[in-house]
Amino acid sequence: IRNRGEYSTVISQSPQFFVERLTGWGADSAFGAQVALRSEVGPESLLSAEDKVSIVSKLLAEYGLAEGDCVAYGDSTSDIPLFGKLPNTVAVNASARVRELATIEYEGSDLRGAYVLGRGLL
């Protein structure tokens, strides 16, 4: 991904302390719920489906990219607003509703296959 000059980010409703570990495996950035172990979680700590859209919009502006330059990969209903915004979307082992909205879908255990499908959309 980096050799092509591409940028990757992970936006998840999982806790930030978990999601940010993916930067060690190659993601350029990661966004997750702002929660701590053994602490109370309020709604303000969670990452909403609309937050995903907002984060992507900010990243597109930061990198000077159009929506058509981006591929979103998703699996759950929290990805539906993002799939409604972006033209290039890949449902990955996703729920039926997400598959209906996706440009293309991937079922399997090797996420490199999902990446290849998404890359083909650009």
PDB file of N, CA and C in Angstrom:
ATOM      1  N   ILE A   1       0.835  -1.182   0.000  1.00  0.00           N
ATOM      2  CA  ILE A   1       0.000   0.000   0.000  1.00  0.00           C
ATOM      3  C   ILE A   1       0.881   1.249   0.000  1.00  0.00           C
ATOM      4  N   ARG A   2       1.833   1.300   0.903  1.00  0.00           N
ATOM      5  CA  ARG A   2       2.708   2.477   0.978  1.00  0.00           C
ATOM      6  C   ARG A   2       3.580   2.611  -0.259  1.00  0.00           C
ATOM      7  N   ASN A   3       4.015   1.485  -0.827  1.00  0.00           N
ATOM      8  CA  ASN A   3       4.840   1.547  -2.034  1.00  0.00           C
ATOM      9  C   ASN A   3       4.100   2.197  -3.188  1.00  0.00           C
ATOM     10  N   ARG A   4       2.793   2.156  -3.174  1.00  0.00           N
ATOM     11  CA  ARG A   4       1.984   2.790  -4.217  1.00  0.00           C
ATOM     12  C   ARG A   4       1.678   4.249  -3.873  1.00  0.00           C
ATOM     13  N   GLY A   5       2.156   4.721  -2.751  1.00  0.00           N
ATOM     14  CA  GLY A   5       1.859   6.084  -2.327  1.00  0.00           C
ATOM     15  C   GLY A   5       0.463   6.219  -1.755  1.00  0.00           C
ATOM     16  N   GLU A   6      -0.104   5.115  -1.326  1.00  0.00           N
ATOM     17  CA  GLU A   6      -1.457   5.115  -0.776  1.00  0.00           C
ATOM     18  C   GLU A   6      -1.414   5.286   0.742  1.00  0.00           C
ATOM     19  N   TYR A   7      -2.535   5.653   1.275  1.00  0.00           N
ATOM     20  CA  TYR A   7      -2.696   5.899   2.700  1.00  0.00           C
ATOM     21  C   TYR A   7      -3.775   4.964   3.217  1.00  0.00           C
ATOM     22  N   SER A   8      -3.551   4.371   4.375  1.00  0.00           N
ATOM     23  CA  SER A   8      -4.583   3.502   4.954  1.00  0.00           C
ATOM     24  C   SER A   8      -4.883   3.940   6.383  1.00  0.00           C
ATOM     25  N   THR A   9      -6.147   3.880   6.709  1.00  0.00           N
ATOM     26  CA  THR A   9      -6.565   4.180   8.074  1.00  0.00           C
ATOM     27  C   THR A   9      -7.613   3.167   8.502  1.00  0.00           C
ATOM     28  N   VAL A  10      -7.679   2.938   9.785  1.00  0.00           N
ATOM     29  CA  VAL A  10      -8.689   2.047  10.353  1.00  0.00           C
ATOM     30  C   VAL A  10      -9.606   2.907  11.213  1.00  0.00           C
ATOM     31  N   ILE A  11     -10.904   2.798  10.955  1.00  0.00           N
ATOM     32  CA  ILE A  11     -11.905   3.518  11.742  1.00  0.00           C
ATOM     33  C   ILE A  11     -12.865   2.465  12.270  1.00  0.00           C
ATOM     34  N   SER A  12     -12.877   2.295  13.576  1.00  0.00           N
ATOM     35  CA  SER A  12     -13.622   1.193  14.178  1.00  0.00           C
ATOM     36  C   SER A  12     -14.329   1.642  15.450  1.00  0.00           C
ATOM     37  N   GLN A  13     -15.386   0.956  15.782  1.00  0.00           N
ATOM     38  CA  GLN A  13     -16.052   1.194  17.056  1.00  0.00           C
ATOM     39  C   GLN A  13     -15.368   0.435  18.191  1.00  0.00           C
ATOM     40  N   SER A  14     -14.339  -0.316  17.878  1.00  0.00           N
ATOM     41  CA  SER A  14     -13.546  -0.988  18.908  1.00  0.00           C
ATOM     42  C   SER A  14     -12.758   0.056  19.695  1.00  0.00           C
ATOM     43  N   PRO A  15     -12.286  -0.298  20.883  1.00  0.00           N
ATOM     44  CA  PRO A  15     -11.524   0.660  21.684  1.00  0.00           C
ATOM     45  C   PRO A  15     -10.250   1.138  20.975  1.00  0.00           C
ATOM     46  N   GLN A  16      -9.929   2.409  21.174  1.00  0.00           N
ATOM     47  CA  GLN A  16      -8.746   3.004  20.552  1.00  0.00           C
ATOM     48  C   GLN A  16      -7.481   2.238  20.911  1.00  0.00           C
ATOM     49  N   PHE A  17      -7.332   1.819  22.174  1.00  0.00           N
ATOM     50  CA  PHE A  17      -6.119   1.114  22.584  1.00  0.00           C
ATOM     51  C   PHE A  17      -5.928  -0.185  21.803  1.00  0.00           C
ATOM     52  N   PHE A  18      -7.012  -0.765  21.321  1.00  0.00           N
ATOM     53  CA  PHE A  18      -6.923  -1.969  20.491  1.00  0.00           C
ATOM     54  C   PHE A  18      -6.660  -1.595  19.036  1.00  0.00           C
ATOM     55  N   VAL A  19      -7.429  -0.659  18.518  1.00  0.00           N
ATOM     56  CA  VAL A  19      -7.354  -0.279  17.106  1.00  0.00           C
ATOM     57  C   VAL A  19      -5.986   0.289  16.757  1.00  0.00           C
ATOM     58  N   GLU A  20      -5.405   1.081  17.656  1.00  0.00           N
ATOM     59  CA  GLU A  20      -4.128   1.708  17.320  1.00  0.00           C
ATOM     60  C   GLU A  20      -2.997   0.699  17.171  1.00  0.00           C
ATOM     61  N   ARG A  21      -3.180  -0.500  17.666  1.00  0.00           N
ATOM     62  CA  ARG A  21      -2.166  -1.547  17.462  1.00  0.00           C
ATOM     63  C   ARG A  21      -1.981  -1.850  15.980  1.00  0.00           C
ATOM     64  N   LEU A  22      -3.023  -1.579  15.188  1.00  0.00           N
ATOM     65  CA  LEU A  22      -2.943  -1.851  13.754  1.00  0.00           C
ATOM     66  C   LEU A  22      -1.950  -0.930  13.048  1.00  0.00           C
ATOM     67  N   THR A  23      -1.596   0.184  13.670  1.00  0.00           N
ATOM     68  CA  THR A  23      -0.574   1.038  13.065  1.00  0.00           C
ATOM     69  C   THR A  23       0.782   0.335  13.071  1.00  0.00           C
ATOM     70  N   GLY A  24       0.981  -0.561  13.998  1.00  0.00           N
ATOM     71  CA  GLY A  24       2.206  -1.355  14.033  1.00  0.00           C
ATOM     72  C   GLY A  24       2.264  -2.394  12.937  1.00  0.00           C
ATOM     73  N   TRP A  25       1.133  -2.659  12.315  1.00  0.00           N
ATOM     74  CA  TRP A  25       1.061  -3.636  11.229  1.00  0.00           C
ATOM     75  C   TRP A  25       0.883  -2.965   9.874  1.00  0.00           C
ATOM     76  N   GLY A  26       1.031  -1.637   9.835  1.00  0.00           N
ATOM     77  CA  GLY A  26       1.017  -0.968   8.544  1.00  0.00           C
ATOM     78  C   GLY A  26      -0.022   0.103   8.327  1.00  0.00           C
ATOM     79  N   ALA A  27      -1.045   0.184   9.151  1.00  0.00           N
ATOM     80  CA  ALA A  27      -2.031   1.257   8.980  1.00  0.00           C
ATOM     81  C   ALA A  27      -1.365   2.587   9.323  1.00  0.00           C
ATOM     82  N   ASP A  28      -1.659   3.615   8.541  1.00  0.00           N
ATOM     83  CA  ASP A  28      -1.076   4.926   8.796  1.00  0.00           C
ATOM     84  C   ASP A  28      -1.706   5.613   9.999  1.00  0.00           C
ATOM     85  N   SER A  29      -2.962   5.354  10.234  1.00  0.00           N
ATOM     86  CA  SER A  29      -3.643   5.924  11.395  1.00  0.00           C
ATOM     87  C   SER A  29      -4.793   5.020  11.793  1.00  0.00           C
ATOM     88  N   ALA A  30      -5.267   5.234  13.014  1.00  0.00           N
ATOM     89  CA  ALA A  30      -6.366   4.416  13.523  1.00  0.00           C
ATOM     90  C   ALA A  30      -7.237   5.261  14.445  1.00  0.00           C
ATOM     91  N   PHE A  31      -8.535   5.063  14.328  1.00  0.00           N
ATOM     92  CA  PHE A  31      -9.511   5.798  15.129  1.00  0.00           C
ATOM     93  C   PHE A  31     -10.469   4.797  15.757  1.00  0.00           C
ATOM     94  N   GLY A  32     -10.656   4.910  17.061  1.00  0.00           N
ATOM     95  CA  GLY A  32     -11.564   4.015  17.757  1.00  0.00           C
ATOM     96  C   GLY A  32     -12.233   4.720  18.919  1.00  0.00           C
ATOM     97  N   ALA A  33     -13.007   3.967  19.664  1.00  0.00           N
ATOM     98  CA  ALA A  33     -13.713   4.504  20.828  1.00  0.00           C
ATOM     99  C   ALA A  33     -12.709   4.892  21.909  1.00  0.00           C
ATOM    100  N   GLN A  34     -12.945   6.039  22.514  1.00  0.00           N
ATOM    101  CA  GLN A  34     -12.043   6.568  23.544  1.00  0.00           C
ATOM    102  C   GLN A  34     -12.446   6.019  24.912  1.00  0.00           C
ATOM    103  N   VAL A  35     -12.119   4.771  25.132  1.00  0.00           N
ATOM    104  CA  VAL A  35     -12.451   4.109  26.392  1.00  0.00           C
ATOM    105  C   VAL A  35     -11.174   3.557  27.017  1.00  0.00           C
ATOM    106  N   ALA A  36     -11.213   3.393  28.316  1.00  0.00           N
ATOM    107  CA  ALA A  36     -10.087   2.823  29.042  1.00  0.00           C
ATOM    108  C   ALA A  36     -10.546   1.548  29.733  1.00  0.00           C
ATOM    109  N   LEU A  37      -9.607   0.664  29.962  1.00  0.00           N
ATOM    110  CA  LEU A  37      -9.926  -0.568  30.676  1.00  0.00           C
ATOM    111  C   LEU A  37     -10.489  -0.252  32.053  1.00  0.00           C
ATOM    112  N   ARG A  38     -11.489  -0.992  32.422  1.00  0.00           N
ATOM    113  CA  ARG A  38     -12.114  -0.902  33.746  1.00  0.00           C
ATOM    114  C   ARG A  38     -12.647   0.492  34.081  1.00  0.00           C
ATOM    115  N   SER A  39     -13.093   1.215  33.078  1.00  0.00           N
ATOM    116  CA  SER A  39     -13.685   2.525  33.343  1.00  0.00           C
ATOM    117  C   SER A  39     -15.089   2.573  32.764  1.00  0.00           C
ATOM    118  N   GLU A  40     -15.878   3.485  33.288  1.00  0.00           N
ATOM    119  CA  GLU A  40     -17.232   3.645  32.772  1.00  0.00           C
ATOM    120  C   GLU A  40     -17.179   4.246  31.375  1.00  0.00           C
ATOM    121  N   VAL A  41     -18.114   3.818  30.542  1.00  0.00           N
ATOM    122  CA  VAL A  41     -18.160   4.293  29.166  1.00  0.00           C
ATOM    123  C   VAL A  41     -19.461   5.052  28.959  1.00  0.00           C
ATOM    124  N   GLY A  42     -19.336   6.294  28.559  1.00  0.00           N
ATOM    125  CA  GLY A  42     -20.500   7.100  28.228  1.00  0.00           C
ATOM    126  C   GLY A  42     -20.602   7.252  26.723  1.00  0.00           C
ATOM    127  N   PRO A  43     -21.735   7.716  26.235  1.00  0.00           N
ATOM    128  CA  PRO A  43     -21.936   7.849  24.792  1.00  0.00           C
ATOM    129  C   PRO A  43     -20.909   8.753  24.118  1.00  0.00           C
ATOM    130  N   GLU A  44     -20.393   9.733  24.863  1.00  0.00           N
ATOM    131  CA  GLU A  44     -19.410  10.645  24.283  1.00  0.00           C
ATOM    132  C   GLU A  44     -18.081   9.951  23.978  1.00  0.00           C
ATOM    133  N   SER A  45     -17.843   8.791  24.576  1.00  0.00           N
ATOM    134  CA  SER A  45     -16.607   8.046  24.358  1.00  0.00           C
ATOM    135  C   SER A  45     -16.653   7.171  23.114  1.00  0.00           C
ATOM    136  N   LEU A  46     -17.847   6.891  22.651  1.00  0.00           N
ATOM    137  CA  LEU A  46     -18.010   5.948  21.550  1.00  0.00           C
ATOM    138  C   LEU A  46     -17.854   6.632  20.199  1.00  0.00           C
ATOM    139  N   LEU A  47     -17.481   5.865  19.213  1.00  0.00           N
ATOM    140  CA  LEU A  47     -17.345   6.340  17.847  1.00  0.00           C
ATOM    141  C   LEU A  47     -18.613   5.946  17.107  1.00  0.00           C
ATOM    142  N   SER A  48     -19.345   6.914  16.611  1.00  0.00           N
ATOM    143  CA  SER A  48     -20.612   6.631  15.933  1.00  0.00           C
ATOM    144  C   SER A  48     -20.398   6.399  14.442  1.00  0.00           C
ATOM    145  N   ALA A  49     -21.431   5.913  13.795  1.00  0.00           N
ATOM    146  CA  ALA A  49     -21.393   5.724  12.343  1.00  0.00           C
ATOM    147  C   ALA A  49     -21.160   7.060  11.648  1.00  0.00           C
ATOM    148  N   GLU A  50     -21.748   8.120  12.161  1.00  0.00           N
ATOM    149  CA  GLU A  50     -21.561   9.457  11.583  1.00  0.00           C
ATOM    150  C   GLU A  50     -20.143   9.957  11.810  1.00  0.00           C
ATOM    151  N   ASP A  51     -19.532   9.569  12.928  1.00  0.00           N
ATOM    152  CA  ASP A  51     -18.136   9.932  13.176  1.00  0.00           C
ATOM    153  C   ASP A  51     -17.231   9.345  12.099  1.00  0.00           C
ATOM    154  N   LYS A  52     -17.539   8.147  11.644  1.00  0.00           N
ATOM    155  CA  LYS A  52     -16.735   7.526  10.588  1.00  0.00           C
ATOM    156  C   LYS A  52     -16.750   8.393   9.335  1.00  0.00           C
ATOM    157  N   VAL A  53     -17.914   8.899   8.974  1.00  0.00           N
ATOM    158  CA  VAL A  53     -18.039   9.767   7.795  1.00  0.00           C
ATOM    159  C   VAL A  53     -17.241  11.047   8.005  1.00  0.00           C
ATOM    160  N   SER A  54     -17.351  11.630   9.173  1.00  0.00           N
ATOM    161  CA  SER A  54     -16.634  12.867   9.486  1.00  0.00           C
ATOM    162  C   SER A  54     -15.122  12.671   9.418  1.00  0.00           C
ATOM    163  N   ILE A  55     -14.641  11.592   9.973  1.00  0.00           N
ATOM    164  CA  ILE A  55     -13.204  11.295   9.952  1.00  0.00           C
ATOM    165  C   ILE A  55     -12.725  11.137   8.518  1.00  0.00           C
ATOM    166  N   VAL A  56     -13.458  10.393   7.712  1.00  0.00           N
ATOM    167  CA  VAL A  56     -13.065  10.203   6.312  1.00  0.00           C
ATOM    168  C   VAL A  56     -13.073  11.534   5.571  1.00  0.00           C
ATOM    169  N   SER A  57     -14.072  12.360   5.791  1.00  0.00           N
ATOM    170  CA  SER A  57     -14.136  13.672   5.135  1.00  0.00           C
ATOM    171  C   SER A  57     -12.913  14.516   5.484  1.00  0.00           C
ATOM    172  N   LYS A  58     -12.522  14.518   6.747  1.00  0.00           N
ATOM    173  CA  LYS A  58     -11.343  15.274   7.176  1.00  0.00           C
ATOM    174  C   LYS A  58     -10.071  14.724   6.541  1.00  0.00           C
ATOM    175  N   LEU A  59      -9.950  13.407   6.480  1.00  0.00           N
ATOM    176  CA  LEU A  59      -8.756  12.810   5.878  1.00  0.00           C
ATOM    177  C   LEU A  59      -8.684  13.096   4.378  1.00  0.00           C
ATOM    178  N   LEU A  60      -9.816  13.034   3.695  1.00  0.00           N
ATOM    179  CA  LEU A  60      -9.827  13.348   2.266  1.00  0.00           C
ATOM    180  C   LEU A  60      -9.370  14.786   2.039  1.00  0.00           C
ATOM    181  N   ALA A  61      -9.854  15.709   2.849  1.00  0.00           N
ATOM    182  CA  ALA A  61      -9.447  17.113   2.722  1.00  0.00           C
ATOM    183  C   ALA A  61      -7.961  17.277   3.037  1.00  0.00           C
ATOM    184  N   GLU A  62      -7.508  16.612   4.084  1.00  0.00           N
ATOM    185  CA  GLU A  62      -6.101  16.708   4.495  1.00  0.00           C
ATOM    186  C   GLU A  62      -5.162  16.229   3.393  1.00  0.00           C
ATOM    187  N   TYR A  63      -5.546  15.176   2.701  1.00  0.00           N
ATOM    188  CA  TYR A  63      -4.691  14.600   1.660  1.00  0.00           C
ATOM    189  C   TYR A  63      -5.035  15.094   0.259  1.00  0.00           C
ATOM    190  N   GLY A  64      -6.010  15.976   0.149  1.00  0.00           N
ATOM    191  CA  GLY A  64      -6.378  16.519  -1.154  1.00  0.00           C
ATOM    192  C   GLY A  64      -6.952  15.478  -2.096  1.00  0.00           C
ATOM    193  N   LEU A  65      -7.737  14.573  -1.560  1.00  0.00           N
ATOM    194  CA  LEU A  65      -8.320  13.485  -2.345  1.00  0.00           C
ATOM    195  C   LEU A  65      -9.817  13.683  -2.531  1.00  0.00           C
ATOM    196  N   ALA A  66     -10.324  13.136  -3.616  1.00  0.00           N
ATOM    197  CA  ALA A  66     -11.765  13.123  -3.865  1.00  0.00           C
ATOM    198  C   ALA A  66     -12.352  11.835  -3.294  1.00  0.00           C
ATOM    199  N   GLU A  67     -13.652  11.824  -3.102  1.00  0.00           N
ATOM    200  CA  GLU A  67     -14.312  10.615  -2.589  1.00  0.00           C
ATOM    201  C   GLU A  67     -14.043   9.415  -3.486  1.00  0.00           C
ATOM    202  N   GLY A  68     -13.948   9.639  -4.789  1.00  0.00           N
ATOM    203  CA  GLY A  68     -13.691   8.550  -5.728  1.00  0.00           C
ATOM    204  C   GLY A  68     -12.285   7.987  -5.662  1.00  0.00           C
ATOM    205  N   ASP A  69     -11.391   8.664  -4.922  1.00  0.00           N
ATOM    206  CA  ASP A  69     -10.014   8.186  -4.741  1.00  0.00           C
ATOM    207  C   ASP A  69      -9.889   7.259  -3.543  1.00  0.00           C
ATOM    208  N   CYS A  70     -10.990   7.024  -2.863  1.00  0.00           N
ATOM    209  CA  CYS A  70     -10.987   6.299  -1.597  1.00  0.00           C
ATOM    210  C   CYS A  70     -11.796   5.008  -1.726  1.00  0.00           C
ATOM    211  N   VAL A  71     -11.341   3.973  -1.034  1.00  0.00           N
ATOM    212  CA  VAL A  71     -12.098   2.725  -0.930  1.00  0.00           C
ATOM    213  C   VAL A  71     -12.388   2.484   0.546  1.00  0.00           C
ATOM    214  N   ALA A  72     -13.643   2.234   0.863  1.00  0.00           N
ATOM    215  CA  ALA A  72     -14.023   1.895   2.233  1.00  0.00           C
ATOM    216  C   ALA A  72     -14.319   0.401   2.302  1.00  0.00           C
ATOM    217  N   TYR A  73     -13.824  -0.228   3.346  1.00  0.00           N
ATOM    218  CA  TYR A  73     -14.086  -1.633   3.620  1.00  0.00           C
ATOM    219  C   TYR A  73     -14.908  -1.687   4.897  1.00  0.00           C
ATOM    220  N   GLY A  74     -15.958  -2.484   4.922  1.00  0.00           N
ATOM    221  CA  GLY A  74     -16.776  -2.535   6.118  1.00  0.00           C
ATOM    222  C   GLY A  74     -17.538  -3.832   6.255  1.00  0.00           C
ATOM    223  N   ASP A  75     -18.059  -4.046   7.470  1.00  0.00           N
ATOM    224  CA  ASP A  75     -18.771  -5.293   7.734  1.00  0.00           C
ATOM    225  C   ASP A  75     -20.060  -5.123   8.526  1.00  0.00           C
ATOM    226  N   SER A  76     -20.268  -3.962   9.122  1.00  0.00           N
ATOM    227  CA  SER A  76     -21.414  -3.836  10.027  1.00  0.00           C
ATOM    228  C   SER A  76     -22.272  -2.623   9.705  1.00  0.00           C
ATOM    229  N   THR A  77     -23.395  -2.535  10.391  1.00  0.00           N
ATOM    230  CA  THR A  77     -24.328  -1.440  10.128  1.00  0.00           C
ATOM    231  C   THR A  77     -23.715  -0.080  10.441  1.00  0.00           C
ATOM    232  N   SER A  78     -22.696  -0.033  11.266  1.00  0.00           N
ATOM    233  CA  SER A  78     -22.047   1.255  11.532  1.00  0.00           C
ATOM    234  C   SER A  78     -21.299   1.773  10.304  1.00  0.00           C
ATOM    235  N   ASP A  79     -21.145   0.948   9.289  1.00  0.00           N
ATOM    236  CA  ASP A  79     -20.485   1.360   8.049  1.00  0.00           C
ATOM    237  C   ASP A  79     -21.473   1.862   6.997  1.00  0.00           C
ATOM    238  N   ILE A  80     -22.756   1.748   7.256  1.00  0.00           N
ATOM    239  CA  ILE A  80     -23.771   2.119   6.263  1.00  0.00           C
ATOM    240  C   ILE A  80     -23.679   3.591   5.846  1.00  0.00           C
ATOM    241  N   PRO A  81     -23.573   4.554   6.767  1.00  0.00           N
ATOM    242  CA  PRO A  81     -23.447   5.943   6.307  1.00  0.00           C
ATOM    243  C   PRO A  81     -22.199   6.176   5.448  1.00  0.00           C
ATOM    244  N   LEU A  82     -21.105   5.532   5.797  1.00  0.00           N
ATOM    245  CA  LEU A  82     -19.880   5.664   5.010  1.00  0.00           C
ATOM    246  C   LEU A  82     -20.064   5.067   3.618  1.00  0.00           C
ATOM    247  N   PHE A  83     -20.747   3.935   3.548  1.00  0.00           N
ATOM    248  CA  PHE A  83     -21.014   3.305   2.256  1.00  0.00           C
ATOM    249  C   PHE A  83     -21.973   4.159   1.429  1.00  0.00           C
ATOM    250  N   GLY A  84     -22.790   4.959   2.086  1.00  0.00           N
ATOM    251  CA  GLY A  84     -23.668   5.873   1.373  1.00  0.00           C
ATOM    252  C   GLY A  84     -22.941   7.088   0.836  1.00  0.00           C
ATOM    253  N   LYS A  85     -21.815   7.420   1.425  1.00  0.00           N
ATOM    254  CA  LYS A  85     -21.042   8.600   1.022  1.00  0.00           C
ATOM    255  C   LYS A  85     -20.041   8.296  -0.083  1.00  0.00           C
ATOM    256  N   LEU A  86     -19.367   7.162   0.012  1.00  0.00           N
ATOM    257  CA  LEU A  86     -18.271   6.857  -0.908  1.00  0.00           C
ATOM    258  C   LEU A  86     -18.728   5.960  -2.052  1.00  0.00           C
ATOM    259  N   PRO A  87     -18.190   6.184  -3.251  1.00  0.00           N
ATOM    260  CA  PRO A  87     -18.606   5.372  -4.396  1.00  0.00           C
ATOM    261  C   PRO A  87     -17.922   4.007  -4.476  1.00  0.00           C
ATOM    262  N   ASN A  88     -16.781   3.840  -3.806  1.00  0.00           N
ATOM    263  CA  ASN A  88     -16.018   2.594  -3.884  1.00  0.00           C
ATOM    264  C   ASN A  88     -16.026   1.906  -2.526  1.00  0.00           C
ATOM    265  N   THR A  89     -16.822   0.846  -2.413  1.00  0.00           N
ATOM    266  CA  THR A  89     -16.979   0.191  -1.117  1.00  0.00           C
ATOM    267  C   THR A  89     -16.909  -1.320  -1.261  1.00  0.00           C
ATOM    268  N   VAL A  90     -16.312  -1.955  -0.257  1.00  0.00           N
ATOM    269  CA  VAL A  90     -16.176  -3.407  -0.234  1.00  0.00           C
ATOM    270  C   VAL A  90     -16.774  -3.928   1.071  1.00  0.00           C
ATOM    271  N   ALA A  91     -17.777  -4.766   0.958  1.00  0.00           N
ATOM    272  CA  ALA A  91     -18.339  -5.442   2.126  1.00  0.00           C
ATOM    273  C   ALA A  91     -17.456  -6.654   2.417  1.00  0.00           C
ATOM    274  N   VAL A  92     -16.939  -6.737   3.631  1.00  0.00           N
ATOM    275  CA  VAL A  92     -16.020  -7.810   4.002  1.00  0.00           C
ATOM    276  C   VAL A  92     -16.686  -8.684   5.059  1.00  0.00           C
ATOM    277  N   ASN A  93     -17.035  -9.905   4.652  1.00  0.00           N
ATOM    278  CA  ASN A  93     -17.726 -10.822   5.572  1.00  0.00           C
ATOM    279  C   ASN A  93     -18.848 -10.073   6.295  1.00  0.00           C
ATOM    280  N   ALA A  94     -19.613  -9.354   5.530  1.00  0.00           N
ATOM    281  CA  ALA A  94     -20.543  -8.363   6.068  1.00  0.00           C
ATOM    282  C   ALA A  94     -21.964  -8.870   6.244  1.00  0.00           C
ATOM    283  N   SER A  95     -22.711  -8.080   6.994  1.00  0.00           N
ATOM    284  CA  SER A  95     -24.139  -8.330   7.160  1.00  0.00           C
ATOM    285  C   SER A  95     -24.845  -8.115   5.820  1.00  0.00           C
ATOM    286  N   ALA A  96     -26.035  -8.651   5.698  1.00  0.00           N
ATOM    287  CA  ALA A  96     -26.789  -8.562   4.443  1.00  0.00           C
ATOM    288  C   ALA A  96     -27.022  -7.117   4.022  1.00  0.00           C
ATOM    289  N   ARG A  97     -27.362  -6.255   4.953  1.00  0.00           N
ATOM    290  CA  ARG A  97     -27.645  -4.849   4.623  1.00  0.00           C
ATOM    291  C   ARG A  97     -26.405  -4.151   4.067  1.00  0.00           C
ATOM    292  N   VAL A  98     -25.262  -4.414   4.643  1.00  0.00           N
ATOM    293  CA  VAL A  98     -24.017  -3.807   4.164  1.00  0.00           C
ATOM    294  C   VAL A  98     -23.676  -4.349   2.779  1.00  0.00           C
ATOM    295  N   ARG A  99     -23.864  -5.636   2.567  1.00  0.00           N
ATOM    296  CA  ARG A  99     -23.598  -6.220   1.239  1.00  0.00           C
ATOM    297  C   ARG A  99     -24.468  -5.570   0.180  1.00  0.00           C
ATOM    298  N   GLU A 100     -25.724  -5.272   0.509  1.00  0.00           N
ATOM    299  CA  GLU A 100     -26.632  -4.628  -0.453  1.00  0.00           C
ATOM    300  C   GLU A 100     -26.119  -3.265  -0.896  1.00  0.00           C
ATOM    301  N   LEU A 101     -25.469  -2.543  -0.011  1.00  0.00           N
ATOM    302  CA  LEU A 101     -25.005  -1.187  -0.301  1.00  0.00           C
ATOM    303  C   LEU A 101     -23.612  -1.141  -0.920  1.00  0.00           C
ATOM    304  N   ALA A 102     -22.874  -2.216  -0.799  1.00  0.00           N
ATOM    305  CA  ALA A 102     -21.484  -2.237  -1.253  1.00  0.00           C
ATOM    306  C   ALA A 102     -21.378  -2.306  -2.773  1.00  0.00           C
ATOM    307  N   THR A 103     -20.298  -1.743  -3.275  1.00  0.00           N
ATOM    308  CA  THR A 103     -19.981  -1.851  -4.695  1.00  0.00           C
ATOM    309  C   THR A 103     -19.638  -3.295  -5.032  1.00  0.00           C
ATOM    310  N   ILE A 104     -18.913  -3.933  -4.131  1.00  0.00           N
ATOM    311  CA  ILE A 104     -18.454  -5.310  -4.325  1.00  0.00           C
ATOM    312  C   ILE A 104     -18.357  -5.955  -2.944  1.00  0.00           C
ATOM    313  N   GLU A 105     -18.364  -7.274  -2.910  1.00  0.00           N
ATOM    314  CA  GLU A 105     -18.267  -7.933  -1.609  1.00  0.00           C
ATOM    315  C   GLU A 105     -17.210  -9.014  -1.611  1.00  0.00           C
ATOM    316  N   TYR A 106     -16.660  -9.264  -0.435  1.00  0.00           N
ATOM    317  CA  TYR A 106     -15.638 -10.284  -0.235  1.00  0.00           C
ATOM    318  C   TYR A 106     -16.050 -11.154   0.944  1.00  0.00           C
ATOM    319  N   GLU A 107     -15.927 -12.451   0.757  1.00  0.00           N
ATOM    320  CA  GLU A 107     -16.138 -13.420   1.834  1.00  0.00           C
ATOM    321  C   GLU A 107     -14.878 -14.261   1.916  1.00  0.00           C
ATOM    322  N   GLY A 108     -14.281 -14.339   3.077  1.00  0.00           N
ATOM    323  CA  GLY A 108     -13.079 -15.149   3.228  1.00  0.00           C
ATOM    324  C   GLY A 108     -12.270 -14.717   4.429  1.00  0.00           C
ATOM    325  N   SER A 109     -11.108 -15.351   4.587  1.00  0.00           N
ATOM    326  CA  SER A 109     -10.284 -15.092   5.762  1.00  0.00           C
ATOM    327  C   SER A 109      -8.983 -14.360   5.451  1.00  0.00           C
ATOM    328  N   ASP A 110      -8.677 -14.145   4.178  1.00  0.00           N
ATOM    329  CA  ASP A 110      -7.448 -13.454   3.795  1.00  0.00           C
ATOM    330  C   ASP A 110      -7.804 -12.049   3.317  1.00  0.00           C
ATOM    331  N   LEU A 111      -7.579 -11.069   4.159  1.00  0.00           N
ATOM    332  CA  LEU A 111      -7.988  -9.704   3.835  1.00  0.00           C
ATOM    333  C   LEU A 111      -7.229  -9.118   2.653  1.00  0.00           C
ATOM    334  N   ARG A 112      -6.146  -9.762   2.262  1.00  0.00           N
ATOM    335  CA  ARG A 112      -5.457  -9.299   1.052  1.00  0.00           C
ATOM    336  C   ARG A 112      -6.359  -9.459  -0.157  1.00  0.00           C
ATOM    337  N   GLY A 113      -7.214 -10.468  -0.150  1.00  0.00           N
ATOM    338  CA  GLY A 113      -8.174 -10.652  -1.236  1.00  0.00           C
ATOM    339  C   GLY A 113      -9.178  -9.521  -1.287  1.00  0.00           C
ATOM    340  N   ALA A 114      -9.615  -9.059  -0.135  1.00  0.00           N
ATOM    341  CA  ALA A 114     -10.533  -7.916  -0.079  1.00  0.00           C
ATOM    342  C   ALA A 114      -9.839  -6.663  -0.599  1.00  0.00           C
ATOM    343  N   TYR A 115      -8.570  -6.484  -0.231  1.00  0.00           N
ATOM    344  CA  TYR A 115      -7.812  -5.327  -0.704  1.00  0.00           C
ATOM    345  C   TYR A 115      -7.697  -5.337  -2.228  1.00  0.00           C
ATOM    346  N   VAL A 116      -7.405  -6.476  -2.802  1.00  0.00           N
ATOM    347  CA  VAL A 116      -7.283  -6.579  -4.264  1.00  0.00           C
ATOM    348  C   VAL A 116      -8.596  -6.183  -4.935  1.00  0.00           C
ATOM    349  N   LEU A 117      -9.707  -6.641  -4.396  1.00  0.00           N
ATOM    350  CA  LEU A 117     -11.009  -6.256  -4.955  1.00  0.00           C
ATOM    351  C   LEU A 117     -11.216  -4.744  -4.863  1.00  0.00           C
ATOM    352  N   GLY A 118     -10.903  -4.180  -3.722  1.00  0.00           N
ATOM    353  CA  GLY A 118     -11.063  -2.739  -3.547  1.00  0.00           C
ATOM    354  C   GLY A 118     -10.144  -1.950  -4.444  1.00  0.00           C
ATOM    355  N   ARG A 119      -8.916  -2.390  -4.571  1.00  0.00           N
ATOM    356  CA  ARG A 119      -7.943  -1.702  -5.435  1.00  0.00           C
ATOM    357  C   ARG A 119      -8.427  -1.690  -6.871  1.00  0.00           C
ATOM    358  N   GLY A 120      -9.124  -2.740  -7.282  1.00  0.00           N
ATOM    359  CA  GLY A 120      -9.656  -2.821  -8.638  1.00  0.00           C
ATOM    360  C   GLY A 120     -10.766  -1.816  -8.912  1.00  0.00           C
ATOM    361  N   LEU A 121     -11.322  -1.227  -7.868  1.00  0.00           N
ATOM    362  CA  LEU A 121     -12.380  -0.231  -8.045  1.00  0.00           C
ATOM    363  C   LEU A 121     -11.825   1.141  -8.422  1.00  0.00           C
ATOM    364  N   LEU A 122     -10.543   1.348  -8.194  1.00  0.00           N
ATOM    365  CA  LEU A 122      -9.942   2.665  -8.458  1.00  0.00           C
ATOM    366  C   LEU A 122      -9.453   2.793  -9.891  1.00  0.00           C
TER     367      LEU A 122
END
